[in-house]
Protein backbone atom coordinates (compact mmCIF):
# COMPACT_ATOMS: atom_id res chain seq x y z
CA MET A 1 -0.83 -0.74 -13.53
CA LYS A 2 -3.25 -1.64 -10.75
CA SER A 3 -5.36 -4.04 -12.80
CA VAL A 4 -4.94 -6.34 -15.80
CA PRO A 5 -7.78 -7.63 -17.99
CA MET A 6 -8.02 -11.34 -18.80
CA VAL A 7 -8.96 -11.66 -22.46
CA ASP A 8 -10.47 -14.58 -24.35
CA LEU A 9 -8.04 -14.69 -27.28
CA GLY A 10 -10.55 -16.53 -29.45
CA GLU A 11 -13.46 -14.12 -29.08
CA GLY A 12 -11.53 -11.03 -28.05
CA LYS A 13 -13.69 -10.54 -24.95
CA ILE A 14 -12.60 -9.48 -21.49
CA GLU A 15 -13.40 -12.41 -19.21
CA ASN A 16 -12.23 -10.93 -15.96
CA ILE A 17 -9.96 -8.33 -14.39
CA ILE A 18 -7.11 -9.17 -12.05
CA ILE A 19 -6.46 -6.51 -9.42
CA GLN A 20 -3.50 -6.17 -7.07
CA SER A 21 -5.46 -7.07 -3.94
CA ALA A 22 -6.68 -10.27 -5.64
CA VAL A 23 -3.06 -11.34 -6.23
CA ILE A 24 -2.24 -10.75 -2.57
CA HIS A 25 -5.32 -12.75 -1.55
CA MET A 26 -4.18 -15.60 -3.80
CA LEU A 27 -0.78 -15.59 -2.12
CA ALA A 28 -2.41 -15.70 1.32
CA GLU A 29 -4.56 -18.65 0.22
CA CYS A 30 -1.50 -20.50 -1.10
CA ALA A 31 0.57 -20.13 2.06
CA ALA A 32 0.78 -23.89 2.56
CA LEU A 33 2.27 -24.64 -0.86
CA GLN A 34 5.93 -25.60 -1.03
CA TRP A 35 7.02 -22.79 -3.36
CA PHE A 36 5.43 -20.21 -1.06
CA GLU A 37 7.16 -21.64 2.00
CA SER A 38 10.57 -20.96 0.46
CA TRP A 39 9.57 -17.45 -0.61
CA GLY A 40 7.20 -16.43 2.16
CA THR A 41 9.59 -17.25 4.99
CA LYS A 42 12.17 -14.77 3.74
CA ARG A 43 12.60 -11.61 5.77
CA LEU A 44 11.84 -8.29 4.12
CA SER A 45 15.54 -7.37 4.01
CA GLU A 46 16.27 -10.55 2.02
CA LEU A 47 13.78 -9.41 -0.60
CA ARG A 48 15.17 -5.87 -0.51
CA LEU A 49 12.00 -4.43 0.96
CA PRO A 50 11.12 -1.70 1.61
CA VAL A 51 12.49 -0.35 -1.66
CA MET A 52 13.08 3.22 -0.45
CA THR A 53 15.51 4.19 2.30
CA PRO A 54 14.20 6.10 5.37
CA ASN A 55 15.70 9.35 4.06
CA SER A 56 13.99 9.02 0.69
CA ASN A 57 10.51 8.28 2.05
CA ILE A 58 7.90 10.71 0.75
CA LYS A 59 6.13 12.20 3.75
CA VAL A 60 4.76 15.35 5.35
CA HIS A 61 5.17 16.54 8.94
CA GLU A 62 2.15 17.11 11.12
CA ASP A 63 2.70 20.88 11.26
CA GLU A 64 2.83 21.27 7.45
CA PRO A 65 -0.29 22.30 5.48
CA VAL A 66 -2.28 19.25 4.43
CA LEU A 67 -2.37 20.64 0.88
CA GLN A 68 1.34 19.84 0.74
CA ALA A 69 0.46 16.14 1.13
CA PHE A 70 -1.91 16.21 -1.83
CA LYS A 71 0.60 18.17 -3.93
CA LEU A 72 3.28 15.57 -3.22
CA MET A 73 0.95 12.70 -4.10
CA ARG A 74 0.10 14.32 -7.42
CA LYS A 75 3.73 15.19 -8.19
CA LYS A 76 5.12 11.78 -7.23
CA LYS A 77 2.12 9.86 -8.60
CA ILE A 78 1.50 7.92 -5.41
CA GLY A 79 -1.76 7.06 -3.68
CA GLY A 80 -0.93 7.77 -0.05
CA ILE A 81 1.52 9.54 2.23
CA PRO A 82 2.37 9.26 5.94
CA VAL A 83 2.05 12.15 8.38
CA ILE A 84 5.11 12.35 10.65
CA GLU A 85 5.16 13.59 14.24
CA LYS A 86 6.96 16.91 14.71
CA GLY A 87 10.53 16.50 15.91
CA SER A 88 10.61 12.73 15.38
CA SER A 89 10.31 10.02 12.75
CA ARG A 90 7.11 8.50 14.12
CA ALA A 91 4.17 8.18 11.75
CA VAL A 92 0.92 9.42 13.32
CA GLY A 93 -1.43 8.90 10.39
CA ASN A 94 -1.92 8.29 6.71
CA ILE A 95 -3.57 10.42 4.03
CA SER A 96 -4.62 9.00 0.67
CA LEU A 97 -5.68 10.63 -2.57
CA ARG A 98 -9.33 9.82 -1.99
CA ASP A 99 -9.23 11.73 1.30
CA VAL A 100 -9.20 14.95 -0.72
CA GLN A 101 -13.01 14.69 -0.58
CA PHE A 102 -12.95 15.92 3.02
CA LEU A 103 -11.59 19.29 1.93
CA LEU A 104 -15.07 19.93 0.51
CA THR A 105 -17.44 17.75 2.54
CA ALA A 106 -16.27 18.43 6.11
CA PRO A 107 -17.27 22.01 7.09
CA GLU A 108 -14.62 22.33 9.80
CA ILE A 109 -11.97 21.54 7.17
CA TYR A 110 -13.46 23.44 4.23
CA HIS A 111 -13.21 26.84 5.93
CA ASP A 112 -9.48 26.37 6.63
CA CYS A 113 -8.57 24.10 3.74
CA ARG A 114 -5.64 26.28 2.64
CA SER A 115 -4.01 26.51 6.05
CA ILE A 116 -5.08 23.43 8.04
CA THR A 117 -2.10 21.31 9.07
CA GLY A 118 -1.73 17.59 8.59
CA LYS A 119 -2.29 16.92 12.30
CA ASN A 120 -5.41 19.09 12.53
CA TYR A 121 -6.69 17.61 9.29
CA LEU A 122 -6.50 14.07 10.68
CA THR A 123 -8.22 15.17 13.89
CA ALA A 124 -10.97 17.03 12.01
CA VAL A 125 -11.65 14.12 9.66
CA ARG A 126 -11.89 11.64 12.53
CA SER A 127 -14.34 13.94 14.31
CA TYR A 128 -16.37 14.37 11.12
CA LEU A 129 -16.55 10.60 10.54
CA GLU A 130 -17.61 9.94 14.14
CA LYS A 131 -20.39 12.52 13.93
CA ASN A 132 -21.65 11.01 10.68
CA HIS A 133 -21.14 7.40 11.80
CA GLU A 134 -18.83 6.69 8.89
CA ASN A 135 -15.62 4.75 8.63
CA CYS A 136 -12.55 5.52 6.55
CA PRO A 137 -9.62 3.33 7.68
CA LEU A 138 -7.03 4.98 5.46
CA VAL A 139 -7.32 8.24 7.36
CA THR A 140 -8.49 7.03 10.79
CA GLY A 141 -5.68 4.57 11.12
CA MET A 142 -2.70 2.96 9.46
CA ILE A 143 -1.15 -0.46 9.61
CA THR A 144 2.51 -0.98 10.40
CA CYS A 145 4.87 -3.92 10.48
CA LYS A 146 8.40 -4.76 11.51
CA ARG A 147 10.97 -6.35 9.21
CA ASP A 148 9.35 -9.75 9.60
CA HIS A 149 8.81 -12.60 7.17
CA MET A 150 6.93 -11.97 3.94
CA LYS A 151 4.24 -14.48 4.93
CA GLU A 152 3.11 -12.43 7.93
CA LEU A 153 3.10 -9.26 5.82
CA ILE A 154 0.91 -10.80 3.11
CA HIS A 155 -1.60 -12.16 5.63
CA LEU A 156 -1.81 -8.75 7.31
CA LEU A 157 -2.40 -6.89 4.04
CA ASP A 158 -4.97 -9.44 2.93
CA SER A 159 -6.92 -9.38 6.21
CA GLU A 160 -6.91 -5.59 6.55
CA LYS A 161 -7.57 -4.91 2.83
CA PHE A 162 -5.00 -2.11 2.74
CA HIS A 163 -2.88 -1.20 -0.28
CA ARG A 164 0.15 -0.08 1.67
CA ILE A 165 1.85 -0.87 4.94
CA TYR A 166 4.43 1.18 6.82
CA VAL A 167 7.60 -0.46 8.11
CA VAL A 168 8.68 0.81 11.53
CA ASP A 169 11.45 -0.01 13.98
CA ASN A 170 10.97 -1.04 17.61
CA ASP A 171 10.43 2.60 18.63
CA GLY A 172 7.81 3.21 15.97
CA ASN A 173 10.08 5.29 13.73
CA LEU A 174 9.21 5.12 10.05
CA GLU A 175 11.66 3.05 8.01
CA GLY A 176 9.74 2.70 4.77
CA VAL A 177 6.52 1.85 3.02
CA ILE A 178 5.58 -1.30 1.13
CA THR A 179 2.78 -1.32 -1.41
CA LEU A 180 1.01 -4.21 -3.10
CA ARG A 181 2.90 -3.28 -6.26
CA ASP A 182 6.24 -3.72 -4.45
CA ILE A 183 5.31 -7.23 -3.37
CA ILE A 184 4.02 -8.26 -6.79
CA SER A 185 7.15 -6.90 -8.47
CA LYS A 186 9.28 -9.16 -6.26
CA LEU A 187 7.08 -12.10 -7.19
CA VAL A 188 7.19 -11.72 -10.97
CA HIS A 189 10.91 -11.00 -11.18
CA GLU A 190 11.96 -14.33 -9.73
CA PRO A 191 13.88 -16.57 -12.21
CA ARG A 192 11.86 -18.73 -14.61
CA GLY A 193 10.70 -21.92 -12.93
CA TYR A 194 11.13 -20.55 -9.37
CA PHE A 195 7.46 -21.21 -8.66
CA GLY A 196 7.30 -24.48 -10.59
CA ASP A 197 4.31 -24.73 -12.94
CA PHE A 198 2.01 -22.72 -10.64
CA PHE A 199 1.48 -19.89 -13.15
CA ASP A 200 1.52 -22.03 -16.30
CA GLY A 201 -1.59 -22.16 -18.45
CA ALA A 202 -3.15 -18.87 -17.39
CA LEU A 203 -2.25 -17.08 -20.63
CA PRO A 204 0.32 -17.73 -23.36
CA LEU A 205 3.56 -16.15 -22.19
CA PRO A 206 6.22 -14.57 -24.43
CA GLN A 207 9.57 -16.33 -24.58
CA ASN A 208 11.32 -13.57 -22.66
CA SER A 209 8.80 -13.74 -19.81
CA ARG A 210 10.35 -14.01 -16.33
CA VAL A 211 7.28 -15.28 -14.45
């Protein structure tokens, strides 16, 4: 789930909707709190992030048809996929589900939509956006991080407003991907009381809750 409604239990009305990016923003705002200091200063490896190993990362190579990327996203039910440089493990771009629009709107892509490669797709989309003075950060660029502390990762995701970040080594080789969902899952599975009473009072929690 990418969003959760907040319901007034008395009137049965939806008061608000909590989205993943709002949770990350809250964490960034609470960086000075004591409970965050103990959690946010952990390195990604301590929190077992990224979840997937380098060999299990879902990706396409730059010389593969871009349609393969969209097929993988649909099959694996994920929102984005990295494009990997031929003959290496370096990520050269990112394609998201919403980028499928360019298969129809960009003429230079539409005519070759069944055969255009991931690399040529990225190049064509960037050219199309420049000509039309548009911006689409998910396809024109991608954000990466090293295996640093969680605090730096959260601030980066919050400032850039991205939903995923790619973990790379010192040579730029792809080691994994971390999504907002991955971070939130680590947060809510901490033992009861780990964050003090910070989350108390938001909604009645079941007895077996682990928040």
